[in-house]
C-alpha atoms as a PDB file:
ATOM      1  CA  UNK A   1       6.676  13.587 -22.984  1.00  0.00           C
ATOM      2  CA  UNK A   2       4.768  13.540 -19.695  1.00  0.00           C
ATOM      3  CA  UNK A   3       2.685  10.516 -18.696  1.00  0.00           C
ATOM      4  CA  UNK A   4      -0.371   9.933 -16.535  1.00  0.00           C
ATOM      5  CA  UNK A   5      -0.804   6.284 -15.520  1.00  0.00           C
ATOM      6  CA  UNK A   6      -4.431   5.255 -15.150  1.00  0.00           C
ATOM      7  CA  UNK A   7      -5.574   3.851 -11.833  1.00  0.00           C
ATOM      8  CA  UNK A   8      -5.069   0.184 -12.743  1.00  0.00           C
ATOM      9  CA  UNK A   9      -1.326   0.679 -13.090  1.00  0.00           C
ATOM     10  CA  UNK A  10       0.932   0.444 -10.040  1.00  0.00           C
ATOM     11  CA  UNK A  11       2.428   3.684  -8.690  1.00  0.00           C
ATOM     12  CA  UNK A  12       5.820   1.945  -8.556  1.00  0.00           C
ATOM     13  CA  UNK A  13       5.894   2.338 -12.354  1.00  0.00           C
ATOM     14  CA  UNK A  14       5.709   6.121 -12.029  1.00  0.00           C
ATOM     15  CA  UNK A  15       8.333   6.017  -9.266  1.00  0.00           C
ATOM     16  CA  UNK A  16      10.778   4.033 -11.412  1.00  0.00           C
ATOM     17  CA  UNK A  17      10.325   6.246 -14.468  1.00  0.00           C
ATOM     18  CA  UNK A  18      10.568   9.412 -12.366  1.00  0.00           C
ATOM     19  CA  UNK A  19      13.921   8.175 -11.059  1.00  0.00           C
ATOM     20  CA  UNK A  20      14.940   8.008 -14.729  1.00  0.00           C
ATOM     21  CA  UNK A  21      14.063  11.745 -14.964  1.00  0.00           C
ATOM     22  CA  UNK A  22      10.737  11.263 -16.769  1.00  0.00           C
ATOM     23  CA  UNK A  23       7.680  13.230 -15.643  1.00  0.00           C
ATOM     24  CA  UNK A  24       5.210  10.480 -14.737  1.00  0.00           C
ATOM     25  CA  UNK A  25       2.222  10.669 -12.382  1.00  0.00           C
ATOM     26  CA  UNK A  26       0.180   7.689 -11.188  1.00  0.00           C
ATOM     27  CA  UNK A  27      -3.533   8.201 -10.620  1.00  0.00           C
ATOM     28  CA  UNK A  28      -3.417   5.558  -7.876  1.00  0.00           C
ATOM     29  CA  UNK A  29      -1.066   7.708  -5.790  1.00  0.00           C
ATOM     30  CA  UNK A  30      -2.740  11.066  -6.443  1.00  0.00           C
ATOM     31  CA  UNK A  31      -5.717  11.575  -4.130  1.00  0.00           C
ATOM     32  CA  UNK A  32      -7.629  14.109  -6.235  1.00  0.00           C
ATOM     33  CA  UNK A  33      -7.409  11.876  -9.336  1.00  0.00           C
ATOM     34  CA  UNK A  34      -8.446   8.554  -7.775  1.00  0.00           C
ATOM     35  CA  UNK A  35     -12.009   7.623  -8.650  1.00  0.00           C
ATOM     36  CA  UNK A  36     -12.292  10.398 -11.249  1.00  0.00           C
ATOM     37  CA  UNK A  37     -14.555   9.564 -14.179  1.00  0.00           C
ATOM     38  CA  UNK A  38     -12.773   8.492 -17.356  1.00  0.00           C
ATOM     39  CA  UNK A  39     -14.040  11.551 -19.198  1.00  0.00           C
ATOM     40  CA  UNK A  40     -12.780  13.901 -16.475  1.00  0.00           C
ATOM     41  CA  UNK A  41      -9.468  12.057 -16.272  1.00  0.00           C
ATOM     42  CA  UNK A  42      -8.935  12.336 -20.029  1.00  0.00           C
ATOM     43  CA  UNK A  43      -9.795  16.033 -19.889  1.00  0.00           C
ATOM     44  CA  UNK A  44      -7.371  16.501 -16.989  1.00  0.00           C
ATOM     45  CA  UNK A  45      -4.582  14.663 -18.834  1.00  0.00           C
ATOM     46  CA  UNK A  46      -5.130  16.834 -21.911  1.00  0.00           C
ATOM     47  CA  UNK A  47      -5.158  20.042 -19.860  1.00  0.00           C
ATOM     48  CA  UNK A  48      -1.897  19.048 -18.175  1.00  0.00           C
ATOM     49  CA  UNK A  49      -0.268  17.973 -21.468  1.00  0.00           C
ATOM     50  CA  UNK A  50       0.052  14.386 -20.242  1.00  0.00           C
ATOM     51  CA  UNK A  51      -0.220  11.261 -22.350  1.00  0.00           C
ATOM     52  CA  UNK A  52      -2.645   8.891 -20.640  1.00  0.00           C
ATOM     53  CA  UNK A  53      -1.505   5.276 -20.216  1.00  0.00           C
ATOM     54  CA  UNK A  54      -4.381   2.843 -19.705  1.00  0.00           C
ATOM     55  CA  UNK A  55      -5.640  -0.624 -20.589  1.00  0.00           C
ATOM     56  CA  UNK A  56      -9.240   0.604 -20.543  1.00  0.00           C
ATOM     57  CA  UNK A  57     -10.001   0.582 -24.268  1.00  0.00           C
ATOM     58  CA  UNK A  58     -13.725   0.081 -23.652  1.00  0.00           C
ATOM     59  CA  UNK A  59     -14.109   3.537 -22.130  1.00  0.00           C
ATOM     60  CA  UNK A  60     -11.260   5.534 -23.652  1.00  0.00           C
ATOM     61  CA  UNK A  61     -11.573   4.544 -27.328  1.00  0.00           C
ATOM     62  CA  UNK A  62     -15.042   6.133 -27.571  1.00  0.00           C
ATOM     63  CA  UNK A  63     -13.747   9.242 -25.770  1.00  0.00           C
ATOM     64  CA  UNK A  64     -10.931   9.597 -28.305  1.00  0.00           C
ATOM     65  CA  UNK A  65     -13.474   9.238 -31.107  1.00  0.00           C
ATOM     66  CA  UNK A  66     -15.716  11.879 -29.585  1.00  0.00           C
ATOM     67  CA  UNK A  67     -12.806  14.247 -29.124  1.00  0.00           C
ATOM     68  CA  UNK A  68     -11.854  13.768 -32.791  1.00  0.00           C
ATOM     69  CA  UNK A  69     -15.414  14.574 -33.892  1.00  0.00           C
ATOM     70  CA  UNK A  70     -15.332  17.700 -31.712  1.00  0.00           C
ATOM     71  CA  UNK A  71     -11.854  18.597 -33.038  1.00  0.00           C
ATOM     72  CA  UNK A  72     -10.450  18.653 -29.494  1.00  0.00           C
ATOM     73  CA  UNK A  73      -6.730  17.969 -29.088  1.00  0.00           C
ATOM     74  CA  UNK A  74      -5.156  15.767 -26.435  1.00  0.00           C
ATOM     75  CA  UNK A  75      -1.580  14.819 -25.531  1.00  0.00           C
ATOM     76  CA  UNK A  76      -1.845  11.199 -26.663  1.00  0.00           C
ATOM     77  CA  UNK A  77      -3.181   7.909 -25.397  1.00  0.00           C
ATOM     78  CA  UNK A  78      -1.207   4.708 -24.856  1.00  0.00           C
ATOM     79  CA  UNK A  79      -3.226   1.521 -24.540  1.00  0.00           C
ATOM     80  CA  UNK A  80      -1.522  -1.294 -22.659  1.00  0.00           C
ATOM     81  CA  UNK A  81      -2.452  -4.875 -23.432  1.00  0.00           C
ATOM     82  CA  UNK A  82      -3.625  -6.679 -20.259  1.00  0.00           C
ATOM     83  CA  UNK A  83      -2.332  -9.996 -21.607  1.00  0.00           C
ATOM     84  CA  UNK A  84       1.153  -8.613 -22.242  1.00  0.00           C
ATOM     85  CA  UNK A  85       1.207  -6.612 -18.985  1.00  0.00           C
ATOM     86  CA  UNK A  86      -0.772  -8.984 -16.785  1.00  0.00           C
ATOM     87  CA  UNK A  87      -0.958  -7.493 -13.300  1.00  0.00           C
ATOM     88  CA  UNK A  88      -1.343 -10.988 -11.792  1.00  0.00           C
ATOM     89  CA  UNK A  89       2.111 -12.130 -12.922  1.00  0.00           C
ATOM     90  CA  UNK A  90       5.567 -11.680 -11.447  1.00  0.00           C
ATOM     91  CA  UNK A  91       6.685  -9.961 -14.653  1.00  0.00           C
ATOM     92  CA  UNK A  92       4.478  -6.967 -13.822  1.00  0.00           C
ATOM     93  CA  UNK A  93       5.262  -4.147 -13.235  1.00  0.00           C
ATOM     94  CA  UNK A  94       8.833  -4.625 -14.463  1.00  0.00           C
ATOM     95  CA  UNK A  95       7.753  -5.495 -17.984  1.00  0.00           C
ATOM     96  CA  UNK A  96       5.616  -2.354 -18.264  1.00  0.00           C
ATOM     97  CA  UNK A  97       8.380  -0.189 -16.806  1.00  0.00           C
ATOM     98  CA  UNK A  98      10.776  -1.482 -19.476  1.00  0.00           C
ATOM     99  CA  UNK A  99       8.220  -1.014 -22.275  1.00  0.00           C
ATOM    100  CA  UNK A 100       7.484   2.558 -21.188  1.00  0.00           C
ATOM    101  CA  UNK A 101      11.211   3.331 -20.855  1.00  0.00           C
ATOM    102  CA  UNK A 102      11.722   2.175 -24.417  1.00  0.00           C
ATOM    103  CA  UNK A 103       8.689   4.154 -25.583  1.00  0.00           C
ATOM    104  CA  UNK A 104       9.858   7.323 -23.824  1.00  0.00           C
ATOM    105  CA  UNK A 105      13.480   7.009 -24.959  1.00  0.00           C
ATOM    106  CA  UNK A 106      12.534   6.569 -28.612  1.00  0.00           C
ATOM    107  CA  UNK A 107       8.922   7.656 -29.153  1.00  0.00           C
ATOM    108  CA  UNK A 108       7.460   5.997 -32.243  1.00  0.00           C
ATOM    109  CA  UNK A 109       4.935   8.814 -32.596  1.00  0.00           C
ATOM    110  CA  UNK A 110       4.757  12.545 -31.902  1.00  0.00           C
ATOM    111  CA  UNK A 111       2.449  15.499 -32.198  1.00  0.00           C
ATOM    112  CA  UNK A 112      -0.943  15.523 -30.583  1.00  0.00           C
ATOM    113  CA  UNK A 113      -4.148  13.505 -30.521  1.00  0.00           C
ATOM    114  CA  UNK A 114      -2.542  10.149 -31.299  1.00  0.00           C
ATOM    115  CA  UNK A 115      -3.195   6.655 -29.959  1.00  0.00           C
ATOM    116  CA  UNK A 116      -0.531   3.975 -29.519  1.00  0.00           C
ATOM    117  CA  UNK A 117      -0.626   0.326 -28.430  1.00  0.00           C
ATOM    118  CA  UNK A 118       1.952  -1.341 -26.196  1.00  0.00           C
END
């Protein structure tokens, strides 16, 4: 499984998971992805076969619904809970790194066009 971390998530998360041999890209450290619209980012993730990791349910949940209506496949969407992975705490980003490691090592879901909550 390949991941794309949305812009709100620290690039250090991608760095740590990449050191573990996972294929993870952070939007925040990829110039051509920063500032991209949510729709374009989701399309890019799907085209690259990357599962998008975001806490932005407000924008991405409707996109997933629209894609389902249009019968368009994507590589998965992981919603992170901003209370559990609060970027203003000392636990972050370590707690998200550990949660994603666990998710990647033993994926609870497979196939395409799925949504998962961490």
